[in-house]
Amino acid sequence: LVLGIWIFTGLASGCLTLYDRESMKSIVSFGFEVAKVVLIALVIVLPLRAFVFQPFLVKGDSMETNYHSGDYLIVDEISYRFSAPERGDVIVLKYPLDTSQRFIKRIIGLPGETVEVKGGKVTIYRTDIAPLVLDETAYLPETLETPGDVRASLDDGEYFVMGDNRPFSSDSRRWGVLPRKDIIGKALWRVFSLKSFVPMEQFVEQH
């Protein structure tokens, strides 16, 4: 009987040890897989986050009614490395008079053009064609006029930008042309508000 108990106890102990070892192997294997997934995610996501797509949270009302305070934006930072910004693009930019601030505006005038704001209208002058009164009904209400009396000639690498909420936007009508180097990227997607998850420096003002 004693011998039987001794043999049974030994077998049980061996089985328990074997079970513990298998469990430990499973835990280690699972931890390794999780670490691998996290590492791959960091290798892929961090470069994308730093050099390709940036999240921004809109503050203010200068782009209403198309963009609202609290909108969460994904900004494409890479496309303009391969192609030039186009008229009508909505961009995030460094405010030329204080590059620590970020603004969101729409591109109106392109390099080599002259932009005139007068009588509530925006006219584009180019050397190769007749003056063009800008049709902005695709993104502005038909009844909305553009206040101001401004004429600006754009050199290479200079852009004229304005907010969609024209009566309440601080833009190229007030602080002048936008250098190409101050364009961060194009507003690619408007998602939803995640204000509590976005660092304050990622706020893009709508003055």
C-alpha atoms as a PDB file:
ATOM      1  CA  LEU A   1       0.000   0.000   0.000  1.00  0.00           C
ATOM      2  CA  VAL A   2       2.791   2.372   0.940  1.00  0.00           C
ATOM      3  CA  LEU A   3       4.574   1.468  -2.244  1.00  0.00           C
ATOM      4  CA  GLY A   4       1.425   2.129  -4.256  1.00  0.00           C
ATOM      5  CA  ILE A   5       0.905   5.531  -2.648  1.00  0.00           C
ATOM      6  CA  TRP A   6       4.533   6.410  -3.288  1.00  0.00           C
ATOM      7  CA  ILE A   7       4.244   5.420  -6.964  1.00  0.00           C
ATOM      8  CA  PHE A   8       0.946   7.335  -7.414  1.00  0.00           C
ATOM      9  CA  THR A   9       2.385  10.455  -5.751  1.00  0.00           C
ATOM     10  CA  GLY A  10       5.451  10.322  -7.940  1.00  0.00           C
ATOM     11  CA  LEU A  11       3.398   9.984 -11.092  1.00  0.00           C
ATOM     12  CA  ALA A  12       1.104  12.849 -10.073  1.00  0.00           C
ATOM     13  CA  SER A  13       4.094  15.039  -9.315  1.00  0.00           C
ATOM     14  CA  GLY A  14       5.617  14.229 -12.670  1.00  0.00           C
ATOM     15  CA  CYS A  15       2.363  14.989 -14.476  1.00  0.00           C
ATOM     16  CA  LEU A  16       2.015  18.279 -12.611  1.00  0.00           C
ATOM     17  CA  THR A  17       5.581  19.253 -13.497  1.00  0.00           C
ATOM     18  CA  LEU A  18       4.958  18.336 -17.117  1.00  0.00           C
ATOM     19  CA  TYR A  19       1.720  20.370 -17.116  1.00  0.00           C
ATOM     20  CA  ASP A  20       3.467  23.388 -15.588  1.00  0.00           C
ATOM     21  CA  ARG A  21       6.183  23.237 -18.204  1.00  0.00           C
ATOM     22  CA  GLU A  22       3.682  23.061 -21.042  1.00  0.00           C
ATOM     23  CA  SER A  23       1.727  25.974 -19.571  1.00  0.00           C
ATOM     24  CA  MET A  24       4.866  28.032 -19.238  1.00  0.00           C
ATOM     25  CA  LYS A  25       5.805  27.289 -22.841  1.00  0.00           C
ATOM     26  CA  SER A  26       2.338  28.393 -23.974  1.00  0.00           C
ATOM     27  CA  ILE A  27       2.549  31.616 -21.971  1.00  0.00           C
ATOM     28  CA  VAL A  28       6.027  32.409 -23.296  1.00  0.00           C
ATOM     29  CA  SER A  29       4.927  31.624 -26.863  1.00  0.00           C
ATOM     30  CA  PHE A  30       1.858  33.832 -26.518  1.00  0.00           C
ATOM     31  CA  GLY A  31       3.917  36.679 -25.050  1.00  0.00           C
ATOM     32  CA  PHE A  32       6.418  36.369 -27.895  1.00  0.00           C
ATOM     33  CA  GLU A  33       3.637  36.559 -30.508  1.00  0.00           C
ATOM     34  CA  VAL A  34       2.129  39.630 -28.840  1.00  0.00           C
ATOM     35  CA  ALA A  35       5.543  41.323 -28.678  1.00  0.00           C
ATOM     36  CA  LYS A  36       6.118  40.513 -32.346  1.00  0.00           C
ATOM     37  CA  VAL A  37       2.788  42.025 -33.382  1.00  0.00           C
ATOM     38  CA  VAL A  38       3.458  45.168 -31.321  1.00  0.00           C
ATOM     39  CA  LEU A  39       6.950  45.519 -32.802  1.00  0.00           C
ATOM     40  CA  ILE A  40       5.683  45.136 -36.359  1.00  0.00           C
ATOM     41  CA  ALA A  41       2.927  47.660 -35.666  1.00  0.00           C
ATOM     42  CA  LEU A  42       5.447  50.147 -34.302  1.00  0.00           C
ATOM     43  CA  VAL A  43       7.771  49.662 -37.272  1.00  0.00           C
ATOM     44  CA  ILE A  44       4.914  50.268 -39.697  1.00  0.00           C
ATOM     45  CA  VAL A  45       2.708  52.766 -37.876  1.00  0.00           C
ATOM     46  CA  LEU A  46       5.267  55.159 -36.390  1.00  0.00           C
ATOM     47  CA  PRO A  47       6.931  56.067 -39.720  1.00  0.00           C
ATOM     48  CA  LEU A  48       3.479  56.497 -41.290  1.00  0.00           C
ATOM     49  CA  ARG A  49       2.443  58.679 -38.367  1.00  0.00           C
ATOM     50  CA  ALA A  50       5.601  60.781 -38.540  1.00  0.00           C
ATOM     51  CA  PHE A  51       6.068  61.195 -42.293  1.00  0.00           C
ATOM     52  CA  VAL A  52       2.896  60.265 -44.177  1.00  0.00           C
ATOM     53  CA  PHE A  53      -0.324  60.841 -42.225  1.00  0.00           C
ATOM     54  CA  GLN A  54      -0.872  63.211 -39.322  1.00  0.00           C
ATOM     55  CA  PRO A  55      -3.976  63.549 -37.162  1.00  0.00           C
ATOM     56  CA  PHE A  56      -5.260  67.033 -36.405  1.00  0.00           C
ATOM     57  CA  LEU A  57      -8.229  68.309 -34.464  1.00  0.00           C
ATOM     58  CA  VAL A  58     -10.015  71.382 -35.809  1.00  0.00           C
ATOM     59  CA  LYS A  59     -10.655  74.365 -33.536  1.00  0.00           C
ATOM     60  CA  GLY A  60     -12.662  77.392 -34.607  1.00  0.00           C
ATOM     61  CA  ASP A  61     -15.118  78.214 -37.372  1.00  0.00           C
ATOM     62  CA  SER A  62     -13.181  79.724 -40.289  1.00  0.00           C
ATOM     63  CA  MET A  63     -13.838  76.692 -42.532  1.00  0.00           C
ATOM     64  CA  GLU A  64     -17.535  76.281 -41.810  1.00  0.00           C
ATOM     65  CA  THR A  65     -19.772  74.984 -43.210  1.00  0.00           C
ATOM     66  CA  ASN A  66     -17.422  72.340 -44.606  1.00  0.00           C
ATOM     67  CA  TYR A  67     -15.256  71.773 -41.522  1.00  0.00           C
ATOM     68  CA  HIS A  68     -16.373  72.296 -37.952  1.00  0.00           C
ATOM     69  CA  SER A  69     -14.674  72.780 -34.618  1.00  0.00           C
ATOM     70  CA  GLY A  70     -14.032  69.328 -33.177  1.00  0.00           C
ATOM     71  CA  ASP A  71     -13.629  67.596 -36.544  1.00  0.00           C
ATOM     72  CA  TYR A  72     -10.845  65.034 -36.553  1.00  0.00           C
ATOM     73  CA  LEU A  73      -8.682  65.207 -39.686  1.00  0.00           C
ATOM     74  CA  ILE A  74      -6.184  62.843 -41.242  1.00  0.00           C
ATOM     75  CA  VAL A  75      -3.684  64.921 -43.206  1.00  0.00           C
ATOM     76  CA  ASP A  76      -1.712  63.509 -46.135  1.00  0.00           C
ATOM     77  CA  GLU A  77       1.868  64.757 -45.837  1.00  0.00           C
ATOM     78  CA  ILE A  78       3.426  62.841 -48.706  1.00  0.00           C
ATOM     79  CA  SER A  79       1.396  63.578 -51.868  1.00  0.00           C
ATOM     80  CA  TYR A  80       2.771  67.102 -52.261  1.00  0.00           C
ATOM     81  CA  ARG A  81       6.269  65.662 -52.463  1.00  0.00           C
ATOM     82  CA  PHE A  82       5.296  64.203 -55.832  1.00  0.00           C
ATOM     83  CA  SER A  83       2.712  66.668 -57.121  1.00  0.00           C
ATOM     84  CA  ALA A  84       2.000  70.368 -56.691  1.00  0.00           C
ATOM     85  CA  PRO A  85      -0.872  71.657 -54.551  1.00  0.00           C
ATOM     86  CA  GLU A  86      -3.955  72.453 -56.609  1.00  0.00           C
ATOM     87  CA  ARG A  87      -6.615  75.133 -56.434  1.00  0.00           C
ATOM     88  CA  GLY A  88      -9.437  74.036 -54.172  1.00  0.00           C
ATOM     89  CA  ASP A  89      -7.291  71.764 -51.993  1.00  0.00           C
ATOM     90  CA  VAL A  90      -7.937  72.062 -48.269  1.00  0.00           C
ATOM     91  CA  ILE A  91      -4.594  72.118 -46.491  1.00  0.00           C
ATOM     92  CA  VAL A  92      -3.091  72.279 -43.041  1.00  0.00           C
ATOM     93  CA  LEU A  93      -0.348  74.889 -42.871  1.00  0.00           C
ATOM     94  CA  LYS A  94       2.074  76.602 -40.564  1.00  0.00           C
ATOM     95  CA  TYR A  95       0.904  80.141 -39.913  1.00  0.00           C
ATOM     96  CA  PRO A  96       3.637  82.201 -41.661  1.00  0.00           C
ATOM     97  CA  LEU A  97       3.717  84.862 -38.918  1.00  0.00           C
ATOM     98  CA  ASP A  98       4.055  82.224 -36.167  1.00  0.00           C
ATOM     99  CA  THR A  99       5.024  78.801 -37.496  1.00  0.00           C
ATOM    100  CA  SER A 100       4.256  77.133 -34.159  1.00  0.00           C
ATOM    101  CA  GLN A 101       0.560  77.540 -35.002  1.00  0.00           C
ATOM    102  CA  ARG A 102      -1.352  75.335 -37.440  1.00  0.00           C
ATOM    103  CA  PHE A 103      -4.171  76.645 -39.641  1.00  0.00           C
ATOM    104  CA  ILE A 104      -6.570  74.956 -42.040  1.00  0.00           C
ATOM    105  CA  LYS A 105      -7.373  76.854 -45.257  1.00  0.00           C
ATOM    106  CA  ARG A 106      -8.289  76.337 -48.900  1.00  0.00           C
ATOM    107  CA  ILE A 107      -5.888  77.068 -51.763  1.00  0.00           C
ATOM    108  CA  ILE A 108      -7.251  79.818 -54.011  1.00  0.00           C
ATOM    109  CA  GLY A 109      -4.274  81.221 -55.929  1.00  0.00           C
ATOM    110  CA  LEU A 110      -1.332  79.329 -57.438  1.00  0.00           C
ATOM    111  CA  PRO A 111       2.273  80.356 -58.179  1.00  0.00           C
ATOM    112  CA  GLY A 112       2.544  82.797 -61.097  1.00  0.00           C
ATOM    113  CA  GLU A 113      -1.022  84.060 -60.729  1.00  0.00           C
ATOM    114  CA  THR A 114      -2.445  87.319 -59.459  1.00  0.00           C
ATOM    115  CA  VAL A 115      -5.419  87.084 -57.123  1.00  0.00           C
ATOM    116  CA  GLU A 116      -7.847  89.949 -56.761  1.00  0.00           C
ATOM    117  CA  VAL A 117     -10.580  90.094 -54.142  1.00  0.00           C
ATOM    118  CA  LYS A 118     -13.011  92.872 -54.916  1.00  0.00           C
ATOM    119  CA  GLY A 119     -16.741  93.435 -54.907  1.00  0.00           C
ATOM    120  CA  GLY A 120     -17.372  90.148 -53.151  1.00  0.00           C
ATOM    121  CA  LYS A 121     -15.753  88.173 -55.979  1.00  0.00           C
ATOM    122  CA  VAL A 122     -12.398  86.453 -56.452  1.00  0.00           C
ATOM    123  CA  THR A 123     -10.700  86.964 -59.818  1.00  0.00           C
ATOM    124  CA  ILE A 124      -7.632  85.053 -61.004  1.00  0.00           C
ATOM    125  CA  TYR A 125      -5.267  86.685 -63.496  1.00  0.00           C
ATOM    126  CA  ARG A 126      -2.831  84.614 -65.528  1.00  0.00           C
ATOM    127  CA  THR A 127      -0.618  85.644 -68.396  1.00  0.00           C
ATOM    128  CA  ASP A 128      -1.790  82.911 -70.765  1.00  0.00           C
ATOM    129  CA  ILE A 129      -5.586  83.300 -70.517  1.00  0.00           C
ATOM    130  CA  ALA A 130      -8.267  85.885 -69.839  1.00  0.00           C
ATOM    131  CA  PRO A 131      -9.108  86.780 -66.220  1.00  0.00           C
ATOM    132  CA  LEU A 132     -11.117  84.104 -64.451  1.00  0.00           C
ATOM    133  CA  VAL A 133     -13.847  84.938 -61.951  1.00  0.00           C
ATOM    134  CA  LEU A 134     -13.565  82.021 -59.588  1.00  0.00           C
ATOM    135  CA  ASP A 135     -16.590  79.728 -59.391  1.00  0.00           C
ATOM    136  CA  GLU A 136     -16.613  78.349 -55.840  1.00  0.00           C
ATOM    137  CA  THR A 137     -20.156  76.972 -55.737  1.00  0.00           C
ATOM    138  CA  ALA A 138     -18.728  73.456 -55.325  1.00  0.00           C
ATOM    139  CA  TYR A 139     -17.790  74.236 -51.726  1.00  0.00           C
ATOM    140  CA  LEU A 140     -19.371  77.614 -50.862  1.00  0.00           C
ATOM    141  CA  PRO A 141     -23.024  78.688 -50.713  1.00  0.00           C
ATOM    142  CA  GLU A 142     -24.017  80.565 -53.862  1.00  0.00           C
ATOM    143  CA  THR A 143     -25.015  83.613 -51.827  1.00  0.00           C
ATOM    144  CA  LEU A 144     -21.726  83.837 -49.913  1.00  0.00           C
ATOM    145  CA  GLU A 145     -19.523  86.775 -50.906  1.00  0.00           C
ATOM    146  CA  THR A 146     -15.828  87.228 -50.186  1.00  0.00           C
ATOM    147  CA  PRO A 147     -15.172  90.462 -48.267  1.00  0.00           C
ATOM    148  CA  GLY A 148     -12.039  92.472 -48.913  1.00  0.00           C
ATOM    149  CA  ASP A 149     -10.198  94.645 -51.375  1.00  0.00           C
ATOM    150  CA  VAL A 150      -6.922  92.839 -52.026  1.00  0.00           C
ATOM    151  CA  ARG A 151      -4.679  92.203 -55.015  1.00  0.00           C
ATOM    152  CA  ALA A 152      -1.702  89.855 -54.607  1.00  0.00           C
ATOM    153  CA  SER A 153       0.811  88.652 -57.184  1.00  0.00           C
ATOM    154  CA  LEU A 154       2.269  85.228 -56.447  1.00  0.00           C
ATOM    155  CA  ASP A 155       5.865  84.293 -57.172  1.00  0.00           C
ATOM    156  CA  ASP A 156       7.165  80.740 -57.556  1.00  0.00           C
ATOM    157  CA  GLY A 157       6.412  78.703 -54.455  1.00  0.00           C
ATOM    158  CA  GLU A 158       3.729  81.111 -53.182  1.00  0.00           C
ATOM    159  CA  TYR A 159       0.029  80.433 -52.635  1.00  0.00           C
ATOM    160  CA  PHE A 160      -3.027  82.476 -51.766  1.00  0.00           C
ATOM    161  CA  VAL A 161      -5.284  80.757 -49.233  1.00  0.00           C
ATOM    162  CA  MET A 162      -8.626  81.559 -47.644  1.00  0.00           C
ATOM    163  CA  GLY A 163     -11.054  80.008 -45.199  1.00  0.00           C
ATOM    164  CA  ASP A 164     -14.466  78.903 -46.457  1.00  0.00           C
ATOM    165  CA  ASN A 165     -16.225  81.042 -43.850  1.00  0.00           C
ATOM    166  CA  ARG A 166     -15.027  84.144 -45.688  1.00  0.00           C
ATOM    167  CA  PRO A 167     -16.411  86.905 -43.410  1.00  0.00           C
ATOM    168  CA  PHE A 168     -14.714  85.375 -40.350  1.00  0.00           C
ATOM    169  CA  SER A 169     -11.455  83.930 -41.642  1.00  0.00           C
ATOM    170  CA  SER A 170      -7.974  85.310 -41.080  1.00  0.00           C
ATOM    171  CA  ASP A 171      -6.094  84.308 -44.212  1.00  0.00           C
ATOM    172  CA  SER A 172      -4.025  85.625 -47.123  1.00  0.00           C
ATOM    173  CA  ARG A 173      -6.289  88.661 -47.356  1.00  0.00           C
ATOM    174  CA  ARG A 174      -4.920  89.725 -43.976  1.00  0.00           C
ATOM    175  CA  TRP A 175      -1.451  88.219 -43.519  1.00  0.00           C
ATOM    176  CA  GLY A 176      -0.279  87.768 -47.100  1.00  0.00           C
ATOM    177  CA  VAL A 177       0.819  84.891 -49.288  1.00  0.00           C
ATOM    178  CA  LEU A 178       1.674  81.404 -48.058  1.00  0.00           C
ATOM    179  CA  PRO A 179       5.168  80.035 -48.844  1.00  0.00           C
ATOM    180  CA  ARG A 180       5.249  76.463 -50.132  1.00  0.00           C
ATOM    181  CA  LYS A 181       7.538  75.437 -47.260  1.00  0.00           C
ATOM    182  CA  ASP A 182       4.778  76.204 -44.748  1.00  0.00           C
ATOM    183  CA  ILE A 183       2.301  73.728 -46.248  1.00  0.00           C
ATOM    184  CA  ILE A 184       2.147  70.637 -44.027  1.00  0.00           C
ATOM    185  CA  GLY A 185      -0.214  68.563 -46.123  1.00  0.00           C
ATOM    186  CA  LYS A 186      -3.628  68.021 -47.637  1.00  0.00           C
ATOM    187  CA  ALA A 187      -6.698  67.287 -45.535  1.00  0.00           C
ATOM    188  CA  LEU A 188      -7.407  63.752 -46.700  1.00  0.00           C
ATOM    189  CA  TRP A 189     -10.187  62.497 -44.422  1.00  0.00           C
ATOM    190  CA  ARG A 190     -12.533  64.083 -41.961  1.00  0.00           C
ATOM    191  CA  VAL A 191     -13.398  61.483 -39.375  1.00  0.00           C
ATOM    192  CA  PHE A 192     -14.924  62.314 -35.985  1.00  0.00           C
ATOM    193  CA  SER A 193     -13.950  64.173 -32.886  1.00  0.00           C
ATOM    194  CA  LEU A 194     -11.348  62.507 -30.670  1.00  0.00           C
ATOM    195  CA  LYS A 195     -10.362  65.638 -28.801  1.00  0.00           C
ATOM    196  CA  SER A 196      -9.442  63.797 -25.630  1.00  0.00           C
ATOM    197  CA  PHE A 197      -6.958  61.591 -27.491  1.00  0.00           C
ATOM    198  CA  VAL A 198      -5.130  64.243 -29.549  1.00  0.00           C
ATOM    199  CA  PRO A 199      -2.152  66.200 -28.148  1.00  0.00           C
ATOM    200  CA  MET A 200      -2.726  69.945 -27.894  1.00  0.00           C
ATOM    201  CA  GLU A 201       0.058  70.690 -30.374  1.00  0.00           C
ATOM    202  CA  GLN A 202      -1.927  68.796 -32.994  1.00  0.00           C
ATOM    203  CA  PHE A 203      -4.815  71.248 -32.869  1.00  0.00           C
ATOM    204  CA  VAL A 204      -5.288  73.140 -36.120  1.00  0.00           C
ATOM    205  CA  GLU A 205      -6.784  76.578 -35.637  1.00  0.00           C
ATOM    206  CA  GLN A 206      -9.435  78.144 -37.834  1.00  0.00           C
ATOM    207  CA  HIS A 207      -8.846  81.862 -37.399  1.00  0.00           C
END
